[in-house]
Amino acid sequence: MEFALSQAGISVAVSDSRASYVHPLVPPAAPAGLSPVAVYLVPWSPNGAVPETDLVQVFGTKAADGLTIDQILNEGDWILGESPARGLGAAEALRDLAKVGKQARAASVQVGAFSATLILQDPSNPAGVRPFGLYWSDGGRDLYIRAAAPSNQLVDFARTFYC
C-alpha cells in the first residue's frame, strides 16, 4: 500500500507491503517547541512472530537521521508511533507491567474516548533519560508516544488528536 504523509513542511511517500495504513494519524500540531523532523517505517518482529511495521514520526529541533531511539529521546525529541491494531493497547500494557512487578509505574488516563496507559519507563542505559510512554488503541491502530517530558504534556498531545 502507498500513501503520502505530509505535515508542517515534511512530505514523505511511504510504500511497504506489510504496512496497512489507510489514514496515518497526523497530529494537528507538533509538541511545543518542536517540529516534525523525520518519518520512518520500522519493521519489527514481536516474539518471533510475523514481521510487522510501525509508522514512526519524530518531533525535534534537528534532523534525526542515523540516531537510535535512545539518542532521539536523549536529545529531547518525541516519538509518535502507530501500527495496525494488534492488541497492544492500554490494558495489555498494564498486564505486561504486572507480570514483571512494575505496575506501580503506570497510570490509566483517557485519550478522547479511549483508555490509555502512561508508563514511567526504564532508561536503556545508566546515562540515558527516563522517558514516559503513553500507549492506547483506537480500535483500528495501536498508538504510542515516547518522550523525556512531563507526563501531562504527553497526555495533552495525545488528546489533540481526538478533542
Protein backbone atom coordinates (compact mmCIF):
# COMPACT_ATOMS: atom_id res chain seq x y z
CA MET A 1 0.00 0.00 0.00
CA GLU A 2 1.23 3.50 -0.71
CA PHE A 3 0.38 6.79 0.92
CA ALA A 4 1.83 10.21 1.44
CA LEU A 5 2.28 11.73 4.86
CA SER A 6 2.55 15.49 4.90
CA GLN A 7 2.88 17.70 7.93
CA ALA A 8 4.41 21.09 8.57
CA GLY A 9 6.68 21.02 5.55
CA ILE A 10 7.60 17.32 5.60
CA SER A 11 6.12 15.24 2.82
CA VAL A 12 7.07 11.58 2.68
CA ALA A 13 5.77 8.92 0.31
CA VAL A 14 5.73 5.54 2.03
CA SER A 15 5.27 2.17 0.40
CA ASP A 16 5.55 -1.13 2.24
CA SER A 17 3.66 -4.33 1.54
CA ARG A 18 3.49 -5.12 5.29
CA ALA A 19 2.03 -1.75 6.28
CA SER A 20 -1.72 -1.44 6.09
CA TYR A 21 -2.18 2.21 6.96
CA VAL A 22 -5.18 3.74 5.27
CA HIS A 23 -5.08 7.09 7.09
CA PRO A 24 -1.92 7.69 9.13
CA LEU A 25 -2.55 9.71 12.26
CA VAL A 26 -1.24 13.20 11.62
CA PRO A 27 -1.12 15.47 14.66
CA PRO A 28 -2.84 18.84 14.30
CA ALA A 29 0.38 20.44 15.59
CA ALA A 30 3.80 19.36 16.84
CA PRO A 31 4.58 19.40 20.58
CA ALA A 32 5.52 22.88 21.82
CA GLY A 33 8.94 24.00 20.63
CA LEU A 34 9.42 21.02 18.31
CA SER A 35 8.94 20.40 14.60
CA PRO A 36 8.38 17.21 12.61
CA VAL A 37 11.86 16.09 11.59
CA ALA A 38 11.52 12.50 10.34
CA VAL A 39 9.10 9.77 9.39
CA TYR A 40 10.20 6.13 9.38
CA LEU A 41 8.77 2.71 8.69
CA VAL A 42 10.21 0.49 11.40
CA PRO A 43 9.94 -3.27 10.87
CA TRP A 44 9.95 -5.46 13.96
CA SER A 45 9.01 -8.98 14.89
CA PRO A 46 7.35 -9.31 18.32
CA ASN A 47 8.36 -12.59 19.97
CA GLY A 48 9.46 -14.06 16.66
CA ALA A 49 6.03 -13.57 15.10
CA VAL A 50 5.35 -12.49 11.54
CA PRO A 51 7.25 -9.24 10.90
CA GLU A 52 5.15 -6.10 11.27
CA THR A 53 5.80 -2.45 10.57
CA ASP A 54 5.31 0.63 12.73
CA LEU A 55 5.00 4.11 11.29
CA VAL A 56 7.16 6.34 13.49
CA GLN A 57 7.13 10.14 13.41
CA VAL A 58 9.88 12.08 15.20
CA PHE A 59 9.41 15.61 16.50
CA GLY A 60 12.53 17.55 17.47
CA THR A 61 14.75 20.54 16.88
CA LYS A 62 17.16 18.99 14.35
CA ALA A 63 17.44 16.09 11.92
CA ALA A 64 17.12 12.62 13.46
CA ASP A 65 18.73 10.68 10.61
CA GLY A 66 21.01 7.91 11.84
CA LEU A 67 20.02 8.25 15.51
CA THR A 68 18.78 5.36 17.64
CA ILE A 69 15.55 5.61 19.63
CA ASP A 70 17.60 6.23 22.79
CA GLN A 71 19.58 9.01 21.12
CA ILE A 72 16.37 10.60 19.87
CA LEU A 73 14.89 10.58 23.39
CA ASN A 74 18.17 11.80 24.94
CA GLU A 75 18.07 14.77 22.54
CA GLY A 76 14.69 15.76 23.99
CA ASP A 77 12.80 14.69 20.87
CA TRP A 78 9.40 12.99 20.87
CA ILE A 79 8.32 9.81 19.10
CA LEU A 80 4.79 9.13 17.87
CA GLY A 81 4.31 5.57 16.68
CA GLU A 82 1.41 3.66 15.23
CA SER A 83 0.74 0.22 13.85
CA PRO A 84 -2.28 -1.68 12.64
CA ALA A 85 -4.19 -2.83 15.73
CA ARG A 86 -2.55 -5.93 17.13
CA GLY A 87 -3.72 -5.88 20.73
CA LEU A 88 -1.06 -3.65 22.29
CA GLY A 89 -3.33 -1.07 23.85
CA ALA A 90 -3.74 0.21 27.40
CA ALA A 91 -5.00 -2.98 29.05
CA GLU A 92 -2.21 -5.06 27.53
CA ALA A 93 0.44 -2.59 28.67
CA LEU A 94 -0.86 -2.77 32.25
CA ARG A 95 -1.00 -6.57 32.12
CA ASP A 96 2.59 -6.79 30.86
CA LEU A 97 3.81 -4.46 33.62
CA ALA A 98 2.03 -6.51 36.27
CA LYS A 99 3.81 -9.64 35.03
CA VAL A 100 7.16 -8.09 35.92
CA GLY A 101 6.00 -6.32 39.09
CA LYS A 102 6.20 -2.79 37.69
CA GLN A 103 2.52 -1.82 37.62
CA ALA A 104 3.22 0.96 40.17
CA ARG A 105 4.97 2.87 37.36
CA ALA A 106 1.76 3.10 35.35
CA ALA A 107 -1.40 5.18 35.44
CA SER A 108 -4.59 4.91 33.42
CA VAL A 109 -5.70 8.06 31.60
CA GLN A 110 -8.33 8.93 28.99
CA VAL A 111 -7.33 9.99 25.48
CA GLY A 112 -10.61 11.08 23.96
CA ALA A 113 -12.95 8.10 24.23
CA PHE A 114 -10.05 5.65 24.61
CA SER A 115 -8.30 4.26 27.68
CA ALA A 116 -4.55 4.79 27.69
CA THR A 117 -1.69 3.71 29.93
CA LEU A 118 1.03 6.16 30.92
CA ILE A 119 4.27 4.46 31.97
CA LEU A 120 7.47 5.77 33.52
CA GLN A 121 9.97 3.68 31.56
CA ASP A 122 13.42 2.43 32.45
CA PRO A 123 16.37 4.10 30.76
CA SER A 124 18.07 1.78 28.30
CA ASN A 125 21.47 2.70 29.73
CA PRO A 126 22.61 4.30 33.02
CA ALA A 127 23.37 7.64 31.34
CA GLY A 128 20.08 7.70 29.46
CA VAL A 129 16.98 9.68 30.21
CA ARG A 130 13.94 8.08 31.82
CA PRO A 131 11.13 8.69 29.33
CA PHE A 132 7.41 8.39 29.70
CA GLY A 133 5.47 6.24 27.30
CA LEU A 134 1.75 6.60 26.57
CA TYR A 135 0.03 3.62 24.92
CA TRP A 136 -3.52 3.26 23.57
CA SER A 137 -5.57 1.79 20.76
CA ASP A 138 -8.40 3.39 18.81
CA GLY A 139 -9.56 0.01 17.53
CA GLY A 140 -8.03 0.41 14.09
CA ARG A 141 -4.46 1.07 15.17
CA ASP A 142 -2.26 0.86 18.26
CA LEU A 143 -0.53 4.12 19.13
CA TYR A 144 2.25 5.29 21.41
CA ILE A 145 4.10 8.44 22.34
CA ARG A 146 7.53 8.33 23.99
CA ALA A 147 9.34 11.38 25.31
CA ALA A 148 11.51 12.55 28.17
CA ALA A 149 8.99 15.25 29.02
CA PRO A 150 6.44 15.84 31.79
CA SER A 151 3.72 13.20 31.64
CA ASN A 152 0.90 15.72 31.32
CA GLN A 153 2.46 17.02 28.09
CA LEU A 154 2.29 13.55 26.50
CA VAL A 155 -1.36 13.17 27.53
CA ASP A 156 -2.26 16.65 26.30
CA PHE A 157 -0.54 15.98 22.95
CA ALA A 158 -2.41 12.68 22.51
CA ARG A 159 -5.72 14.36 23.30
CA THR A 160 -5.22 16.86 20.47
CA PHE A 161 -5.96 14.01 18.05
CA TYR A 162 -9.43 13.40 19.46
CA CYS A 163 -10.59 16.50 21.31
